Amino acid sequence: MAVAREKLALVTGGAGLIGSHLSDLLLAEGYSVRVLDNLEPQTHRNGKPPWMNPEAEFRHADIRDREAVRHALEGVDIVFHEAAYGGYMPEMAKYVHVNSLGTAQMLETIRDENLPVEKIIVASSQAVYREGAVSCPAHGLVFPEMRPTERLAAGDFSVRCPVCGAPSESAPTPEEAPVGGEMVYAITKMDQERLTLSWGRQTGIPTVALRYSCTYGPRQSIFNPYTGVIAIFCTRLLSGNPPILYEDGEQTRDLCFVEDIARANLIAAESDKLDGLPVNIGTGRPTTIRNIAEMVSSALGTNIEPLARGEFRPGEMRHLTPDISRASAAGYAPEVELSEGIERYIAWIKSQGSVRDYFAEAEKLLRQKSIVHEVKG
């Protein structure tokens, strides 16, 4: 009797935080793994990282290189599309070129070359939402528009009911909530998600878009000053500098440990319950940015108070707590608590040698490019 060959998975962006952990999990689960990664210098300053699993086949290429992607897709059964340009970096065209065009070209290649890919899981983001869901005492669960820049500039960071304008409370955000983030990263993540899901409907090939919460954990780049709040806080604190808080630091985020994100990908690959859908992946437990800064400082033993300087980023949401019931119904359950995850990240970052604060220089550029504004009120 012939023995069925191992499934071959292509992990684009497989040298990064999520992609590398996902590759490790897939290999442990019996998959063959091929990684395609361009080793973006902003993230991989020292080239190919030492944590790359030697059992995975590595292809050093850019997702925008059509021919390289075509060769990387040969014999592939399932694609985990993690490659993306991320964070608050100021290059608009590069976001569109990497995220939107790169995804479209990959999908076009699979379709036009009639490649036998059986499924695609694409990395989307909570950033695609506007202001998430809120609860109004009078109108129940509602979905506000993004907060006007004029109000933010006046120091009013509240989220109001879109019907009556009353102050509202954050509520779990279901996948049916309106999307339409205004940051260029959010726009291109929406492109990746919609292109992949619509392509799946047209071709009949199952696709899933996982809307990740803020992901953190070992291997999160210590060089990239534009992404990863825990990583940025760690490098600031280890350099003797206070964490910088935008607005008043009371905005909330759901932080999800990278191993939980990897497990969600495996579930999406092996179940048909999520096919054709956008799916929130997180913990469902929000934490204020100020509290995150204090937890990191305490875990490092630095006890440096965070600093709020009266600045804000237009287009950034105030609160986002994902409703993860859709993922939970398919068997997903987050396992790593935030305090444990921070401890594990800190243990890793302390093993990386000397750490430099790259954010101090980067934030000057963010102001110059009008990504960060000052409160005038």
Protein backbone atom coordinates (compact mmCIF):
# COMPACT_ATOMS: atom_id res chain seq x y z
CA MET A 1 0.00 0.00 0.00
CA ALA A 2 1.38 3.38 -1.00
CA VAL A 3 2.14 5.79 1.82
CA ALA A 4 0.62 9.23 1.33
CA ARG A 5 3.25 11.94 1.15
CA GLU A 6 3.43 14.69 3.75
CA LYS A 7 1.47 17.82 2.97
CA LEU A 8 3.74 20.61 1.76
CA ALA A 9 3.01 24.01 3.29
CA LEU A 10 4.39 27.29 1.96
CA VAL A 11 4.79 29.91 4.68
CA THR A 12 5.38 33.35 3.17
CA GLY A 13 7.10 35.67 5.62
CA GLY A 14 8.25 32.52 7.37
CA ALA A 15 11.32 34.08 9.01
CA GLY A 16 9.20 36.54 10.97
CA LEU A 17 7.56 36.39 14.37
CA ILE A 18 4.40 34.52 13.37
CA GLY A 19 5.76 32.72 10.32
CA SER A 20 8.69 31.13 12.14
CA HIS A 21 6.57 29.83 15.01
CA LEU A 22 3.99 28.57 12.53
CA SER A 23 6.73 26.76 10.59
CA ASP A 24 7.92 25.06 13.79
CA LEU A 25 4.37 23.94 14.62
CA LEU A 26 3.69 22.63 11.13
CA LEU A 27 6.91 20.61 11.14
CA ALA A 28 6.03 19.17 14.55
CA GLU A 29 2.60 18.20 13.16
CA GLY A 30 4.11 16.25 10.25
CA TYR A 31 3.98 18.80 7.44
CA SER A 32 6.82 19.55 5.08
CA VAL A 33 7.51 23.28 5.13
CA ARG A 34 8.90 25.71 2.58
CA VAL A 35 9.58 29.28 3.69
CA LEU A 36 9.68 32.31 1.42
CA ASP A 37 11.02 35.50 3.03
CA ASN A 38 12.88 38.55 1.73
CA LEU A 39 14.52 39.19 5.14
CA GLU A 40 13.32 42.81 5.23
CA PRO A 41 16.26 44.77 6.76
CA GLN A 42 13.93 46.84 8.95
CA THR A 43 13.05 43.61 10.78
CA HIS A 44 15.99 41.27 10.05
CA ARG A 45 18.94 43.64 10.39
CA ASN A 46 21.43 40.77 10.66
CA GLY A 47 20.03 38.70 7.82
CA LYS A 48 18.61 35.21 8.17
CA PRO A 49 17.74 34.76 11.86
CA PRO A 50 19.22 31.89 13.90
CA TRP A 51 15.80 30.57 14.86
CA MET A 52 14.99 29.42 11.32
CA ASN A 53 14.18 25.73 11.55
CA PRO A 54 16.74 23.72 9.55
CA GLU A 55 14.04 21.22 8.61
CA ALA A 56 12.25 23.89 6.60
CA GLU A 57 13.33 24.63 3.04
CA PHE A 58 14.25 28.32 2.84
CA ARG A 59 13.76 30.51 -0.23
CA HIS A 60 15.22 34.02 0.02
CA ALA A 61 12.90 36.03 -2.21
CA ASP A 62 10.40 38.87 -2.21
CA ILE A 63 6.65 38.24 -2.40
CA ARG A 64 6.59 40.81 -5.23
CA ASP A 65 8.92 38.65 -7.37
CA ARG A 66 6.41 36.79 -9.51
CA GLU A 67 8.87 34.21 -10.84
CA ALA A 68 10.31 33.44 -7.40
CA VAL A 69 6.80 33.02 -5.99
CA ARG A 70 5.88 30.75 -8.89
CA HIS A 71 8.80 28.46 -8.11
CA ALA A 72 8.06 28.56 -4.37
CA LEU A 73 4.51 27.37 -5.07
CA GLU A 74 5.60 24.23 -6.92
CA GLY A 75 4.12 21.14 -5.26
CA VAL A 76 2.51 23.15 -2.46
CA ASP A 77 -0.72 21.89 -0.91
CA ILE A 78 -1.48 24.76 1.46
CA VAL A 79 -0.33 28.38 1.65
CA PHE A 80 -0.01 30.34 4.88
CA HIS A 81 0.35 33.89 3.60
CA GLU A 82 2.06 35.81 6.41
CA ALA A 83 4.28 38.07 4.28
CA ALA A 84 3.44 41.74 4.74
CA TYR A 85 4.94 45.14 5.35
CA GLY A 86 3.65 46.18 8.77
CA GLY A 87 3.51 48.70 11.57
CA TYR A 88 3.41 52.50 11.46
CA MET A 89 6.12 53.00 8.85
CA PRO A 90 5.58 56.04 6.59
CA GLU A 91 6.03 54.45 3.13
CA MET A 92 2.59 54.41 1.52
CA ALA A 93 3.64 52.98 -1.83
CA LYS A 94 5.64 50.14 -0.31
CA TYR A 95 2.65 48.99 1.77
CA VAL A 96 0.52 48.82 -1.36
CA HIS A 97 3.24 47.20 -3.43
CA VAL A 98 4.10 44.48 -0.90
CA ASN A 99 0.74 43.78 0.71
CA SER A 100 -1.80 44.46 -2.02
CA LEU A 101 0.14 43.77 -5.22
CA GLY A 102 2.15 40.91 -3.70
CA THR A 103 -1.01 39.11 -2.63
CA ALA A 104 -2.81 39.73 -5.94
CA GLN A 105 0.16 38.40 -7.95
CA MET A 106 0.40 35.27 -5.82
CA LEU A 107 -3.31 34.51 -6.23
CA GLU A 108 -3.16 35.25 -9.94
CA THR A 109 -0.22 32.91 -10.35
CA ILE A 110 -1.99 30.02 -8.59
CA ARG A 111 -5.09 30.52 -10.73
CA ASP A 112 -3.43 31.13 -14.10
CA GLU A 113 -0.87 28.33 -13.68
CA ASN A 114 -3.61 25.98 -12.42
CA LEU A 115 -1.45 25.03 -9.45
CA PRO A 116 -2.89 22.32 -7.16
CA VAL A 117 -3.06 24.47 -4.01
CA GLU A 118 -5.79 23.10 -1.76
CA LYS A 119 -6.21 25.97 0.70
CA ILE A 120 -4.93 29.46 1.55
CA ILE A 121 -4.83 31.02 5.03
CA VAL A 122 -4.12 34.75 4.86
CA ALA A 123 -2.92 36.89 7.78
CA SER A 124 -5.35 39.77 8.22
CA SER A 125 -5.51 42.12 11.21
CA GLN A 126 -7.77 43.74 13.76
CA ALA A 127 -6.60 46.98 12.16
CA VAL A 128 -9.24 46.52 9.45
CA TYR A 129 -11.98 47.63 11.87
CA ARG A 130 -12.93 51.29 12.30
CA GLU A 131 -13.55 51.75 16.03
CA GLY A 132 -14.80 48.26 16.75
CA ALA A 133 -18.02 47.75 18.69
CA VAL A 134 -19.34 49.81 21.59
CA SER A 135 -22.33 49.59 23.88
CA CYS A 136 -24.61 52.62 24.23
CA PRO A 137 -27.07 52.72 27.17
CA ALA A 138 -29.82 53.83 24.80
CA HIS A 139 -29.00 52.05 21.54
CA GLY A 140 -27.21 48.86 22.56
CA LEU A 141 -24.43 47.43 20.39
CA VAL A 142 -23.39 50.00 17.78
CA PHE A 143 -20.43 50.59 15.49
CA PRO A 144 -19.04 54.13 15.56
CA GLU A 145 -17.08 55.89 12.86
CA MET A 146 -13.42 56.65 13.49
CA ARG A 147 -12.85 59.55 15.84
CA PRO A 148 -12.42 62.91 14.07
CA THR A 149 -8.89 64.34 14.14
CA GLU A 150 -10.30 67.65 15.39
CA ARG A 151 -11.63 66.01 18.54
CA LEU A 152 -8.39 64.16 19.15
CA ALA A 153 -6.43 67.40 18.70
CA ALA A 154 -8.65 68.97 21.37
CA GLY A 155 -7.75 66.19 23.79
CA ASP A 156 -11.12 64.40 23.55
CA PHE A 157 -10.26 60.73 23.07
CA SER A 158 -13.70 59.30 23.87
CA VAL A 159 -15.70 57.08 21.55
CA ARG A 160 -19.30 58.22 21.10
CA CYS A 161 -22.47 56.43 20.09
CA PRO A 162 -22.99 57.11 16.35
CA VAL A 163 -26.75 57.50 16.92
CA CYS A 164 -27.03 59.85 19.90
CA GLY A 165 -23.45 61.00 20.50
CA ALA A 166 -23.43 59.77 24.12
CA PRO A 167 -20.25 58.31 25.67
CA SER A 168 -20.07 54.57 25.12
CA GLU A 169 -18.33 51.50 26.53
CA SER A 170 -16.14 49.16 24.51
CA ALA A 171 -17.77 45.84 23.61
CA PRO A 172 -16.52 42.64 21.94
CA THR A 173 -16.28 43.24 18.20
CA PRO A 174 -17.78 40.54 15.94
CA GLU A 175 -16.50 39.88 12.43
CA GLU A 176 -19.68 41.49 11.06
CA ALA A 177 -18.60 44.91 12.39
CA PRO A 178 -17.93 47.53 9.69
CA VAL A 179 -14.39 47.62 8.37
CA GLY A 180 -12.56 50.62 6.98
CA GLY A 181 -9.42 51.46 8.94
CA GLU A 182 -7.72 54.64 7.73
CA MET A 183 -4.07 53.80 8.33
CA VAL A 184 -2.33 52.68 5.13
CA TYR A 185 -1.41 49.39 6.82
CA ALA A 186 -5.09 48.76 7.60
CA ILE A 187 -6.12 49.58 4.05
CA THR A 188 -3.68 47.08 2.59
CA LYS A 189 -4.54 44.37 5.12
CA MET A 190 -8.14 44.78 4.02
CA ASP A 191 -6.91 44.41 0.44
CA GLN A 192 -5.14 41.14 1.33
CA GLU A 193 -8.21 39.80 3.08
CA ARG A 194 -10.77 40.75 0.44
CA LEU A 195 -8.59 39.67 -2.48
CA THR A 196 -8.02 36.25 -0.92
CA LEU A 197 -11.61 35.58 0.16
CA SER A 198 -13.13 36.78 -3.13
CA TRP A 199 -10.54 34.76 -5.11
CA GLY A 200 -11.51 31.70 -3.07
CA ARG A 201 -15.18 32.15 -3.92
CA GLN A 202 -14.35 32.51 -7.63
CA THR A 203 -11.98 29.54 -7.84
CA GLY A 204 -13.68 27.23 -5.36
CA ILE A 205 -10.44 26.86 -3.39
CA PRO A 206 -11.03 27.22 0.38
CA THR A 207 -9.62 30.39 1.93
CA VAL A 208 -9.63 31.83 5.45
CA ALA A 209 -8.66 35.32 6.64
CA LEU A 210 -7.44 35.40 10.23
CA ARG A 211 -7.79 38.84 11.82
CA TYR A 212 -4.97 38.79 14.34
CA SER A 213 -4.97 40.81 17.53
CA CYS A 214 -1.69 42.46 18.55
CA THR A 215 0.78 39.58 18.42
CA TYR A 216 3.88 39.35 20.60
CA GLY A 217 6.42 36.86 21.86
CA PRO A 218 9.99 35.61 21.37
CA ARG A 219 11.49 36.48 17.95
CA GLN A 220 9.60 39.78 17.69
CA SER A 221 12.13 42.10 16.10
CA ILE A 222 14.17 44.29 18.43
CA PHE A 223 15.25 46.37 15.43
CA ASN A 224 11.90 47.49 14.04
CA PRO A 225 10.81 50.66 15.88
CA TYR A 226 7.43 50.87 14.18
CA THR A 227 5.69 47.67 15.25
CA GLY A 228 5.15 45.58 18.39
CA VAL A 229 4.26 47.58 21.48
CA ILE A 230 5.85 45.14 23.94
CA ALA A 231 9.06 44.98 21.92
CA ILE A 232 9.22 48.78 21.70
CA PHE A 233 8.57 49.19 25.42
CA CYS A 234 11.27 46.63 26.23
CA THR A 235 13.96 48.30 24.12
CA ARG A 236 13.05 51.71 25.56
CA LEU A 237 13.19 50.49 29.15
CA LEU A 238 16.38 48.48 28.70
CA SER A 239 17.97 51.67 27.32
CA GLY A 240 16.87 53.62 30.40
CA ASN A 241 14.09 55.49 28.59
CA PRO A 242 10.40 55.65 29.52
CA PRO A 243 7.77 53.99 27.33
CA ILE A 244 5.93 56.59 25.24
CA LEU A 245 2.13 56.57 25.49
CA TYR A 246 -0.09 58.13 22.85
CA GLU A 247 -3.35 59.81 23.86
CA ASP A 248 -3.65 59.21 27.62
CA GLY A 249 -2.49 55.60 27.58
CA GLU A 250 -5.96 54.34 28.45
CA GLN A 251 -6.69 52.92 25.01
CA THR A 252 -7.00 49.14 25.11
CA ARG A 253 -5.61 46.31 23.03
CA ASP A 254 -5.96 42.56 23.02
CA LEU A 255 -2.46 41.04 23.05
CA CYS A 256 -2.13 37.46 21.87
CA PHE A 257 0.95 35.28 22.32
CA VAL A 258 2.50 34.12 19.07
CA GLU A 259 2.14 30.39 19.83
CA ASP A 260 -1.62 30.86 20.15
CA ILE A 261 -1.68 32.63 16.79
CA ALA A 262 0.25 29.73 15.23
CA ARG A 263 -2.24 27.21 16.65
CA ALA A 264 -5.12 29.22 15.17
CA ASN A 265 -3.52 28.86 11.73
CA LEU A 266 -3.27 25.11 12.12
CA ILE A 267 -6.93 24.89 13.13
CA ALA A 268 -7.95 27.00 10.12
CA ALA A 269 -5.93 24.71 7.86
CA GLU A 270 -7.33 21.43 9.17
CA SER A 271 -10.97 22.41 9.71
CA ASP A 272 -13.56 23.41 7.14
CA LYS A 273 -15.62 25.33 9.70
CA LEU A 274 -13.88 28.64 8.94
CA ASP A 275 -13.65 28.33 5.17
CA GLY A 276 -14.57 31.48 3.27
CA LEU A 277 -14.69 33.61 6.41
CA PRO A 278 -12.84 36.40 8.20
CA VAL A 279 -12.06 35.18 11.72
CA ASN A 280 -11.00 37.13 14.81
CA ILE A 281 -8.00 35.61 16.60
CA GLY A 282 -7.00 36.91 20.02
CA THR A 283 -7.71 36.35 23.69
CA GLY A 284 -10.86 38.42 24.08
CA ARG A 285 -9.30 40.11 27.13
CA PRO A 286 -8.35 43.79 26.64
CA THR A 287 -5.55 45.57 28.50
CA THR A 288 -4.74 49.28 28.58
CA ILE A 289 -1.53 50.40 26.93
CA ARG A 290 -0.52 52.06 30.21
CA ASN A 291 -0.96 48.77 32.05
CA ILE A 292 1.14 46.98 29.44
CA ALA A 293 3.94 49.51 29.95
CA GLU A 294 3.77 49.04 33.71
CA MET A 295 3.76 45.23 33.42
CA VAL A 296 6.83 45.27 31.16
CA SER A 297 8.65 47.73 33.43
CA SER A 298 7.89 45.64 36.50
CA ALA A 299 8.97 42.41 34.81
CA LEU A 300 12.26 44.03 33.76
CA GLY A 301 12.78 45.48 37.25
CA THR A 302 13.31 48.98 35.82
CA ASN A 303 10.31 50.73 37.41
CA ILE A 304 10.45 53.61 34.93
CA GLU A 305 7.11 55.41 34.65
CA PRO A 306 5.58 55.64 31.16
CA LEU A 307 5.33 59.08 29.61
CA ALA A 308 2.25 60.58 27.91
CA ARG A 309 3.28 63.76 26.09
CA GLY A 310 -0.02 64.88 24.63
CA GLU A 311 0.39 63.18 21.25
CA PHE A 312 -1.91 61.02 19.15
CA ARG A 313 -1.99 59.14 15.86
CA PRO A 314 -4.96 60.01 13.60
CA GLY A 315 -6.82 56.94 12.40
CA GLU A 316 -5.81 54.80 15.38
CA MET A 317 -8.70 53.08 17.13
CA ARG A 318 -9.34 53.70 20.83
CA HIS A 319 -10.47 50.23 21.90
CA LEU A 320 -10.61 46.85 20.23
CA THR A 321 -11.69 43.67 21.97
CA PRO A 322 -12.29 40.85 19.48
CA ASP A 323 -15.26 38.56 19.79
CA ILE A 324 -13.50 35.19 19.30
CA SER A 325 -16.61 33.00 19.41
CA ARG A 326 -16.33 32.09 15.71
CA ALA A 327 -12.79 30.78 16.18
CA SER A 328 -13.73 29.12 19.48
CA ALA A 329 -16.51 27.16 17.76
CA ALA A 330 -13.83 25.67 15.50
CA GLY A 331 -11.71 24.59 18.49
CA TYR A 332 -9.48 27.62 19.07
CA ALA A 333 -8.64 28.59 22.66
CA PRO A 334 -5.81 30.93 23.72
CA GLU A 335 -3.51 29.32 26.27
CA VAL A 336 -0.84 31.86 27.25
CA GLU A 337 -1.74 34.59 29.76
CA LEU A 338 -0.30 38.07 29.20
CA SER A 339 1.90 38.03 32.31
CA GLU A 340 3.43 34.68 31.29
CA GLY A 341 3.89 35.84 27.72
CA ILE A 342 5.70 39.01 28.79
CA GLU A 343 8.01 36.98 31.01
CA ARG A 344 8.81 34.65 28.13
CA TYR A 345 9.48 37.55 25.78
CA ILE A 346 11.75 39.27 28.28
CA ALA A 347 13.71 36.05 28.86
CA TRP A 348 14.24 35.89 25.10
CA ILE A 349 15.17 39.54 24.61
CA LYS A 350 17.75 39.30 27.41
CA SER A 351 19.41 36.50 25.46
CA GLN A 352 19.88 38.75 22.42
CA GLY A 353 22.88 40.70 23.72
CA SER A 354 22.95 44.49 23.83
CA VAL A 355 19.67 46.19 22.99
CA ARG A 356 19.32 49.65 21.51
CA ASP A 357 16.37 52.07 21.54
CA TYR A 358 15.54 52.49 17.84
CA PHE A 359 12.23 54.19 18.58
CA ALA A 360 13.79 57.49 19.68
CA GLU A 361 14.97 58.27 16.15
CA ALA A 362 11.96 56.78 14.44
CA GLU A 363 9.42 58.91 16.27
CA LYS A 364 10.99 62.08 14.86
CA LEU A 365 10.23 60.79 11.37
CA LEU A 366 6.67 59.92 12.41
CA ARG A 367 6.12 63.55 13.40
CA GLN A 368 7.66 64.87 10.20
CA LYS A 369 5.38 62.63 8.12
CA SER A 370 2.30 63.73 10.12
CA ILE A 371 1.69 60.23 11.48
CA VAL A 372 1.98 61.59 15.04
CA HIS A 373 0.20 64.83 16.01
CA GLU A 374 0.20 67.03 19.11
CA VAL A 375 -2.87 67.72 21.20
CA LYS A 376 -3.69 71.42 20.89
CA GLY A 377 -6.43 71.63 23.49
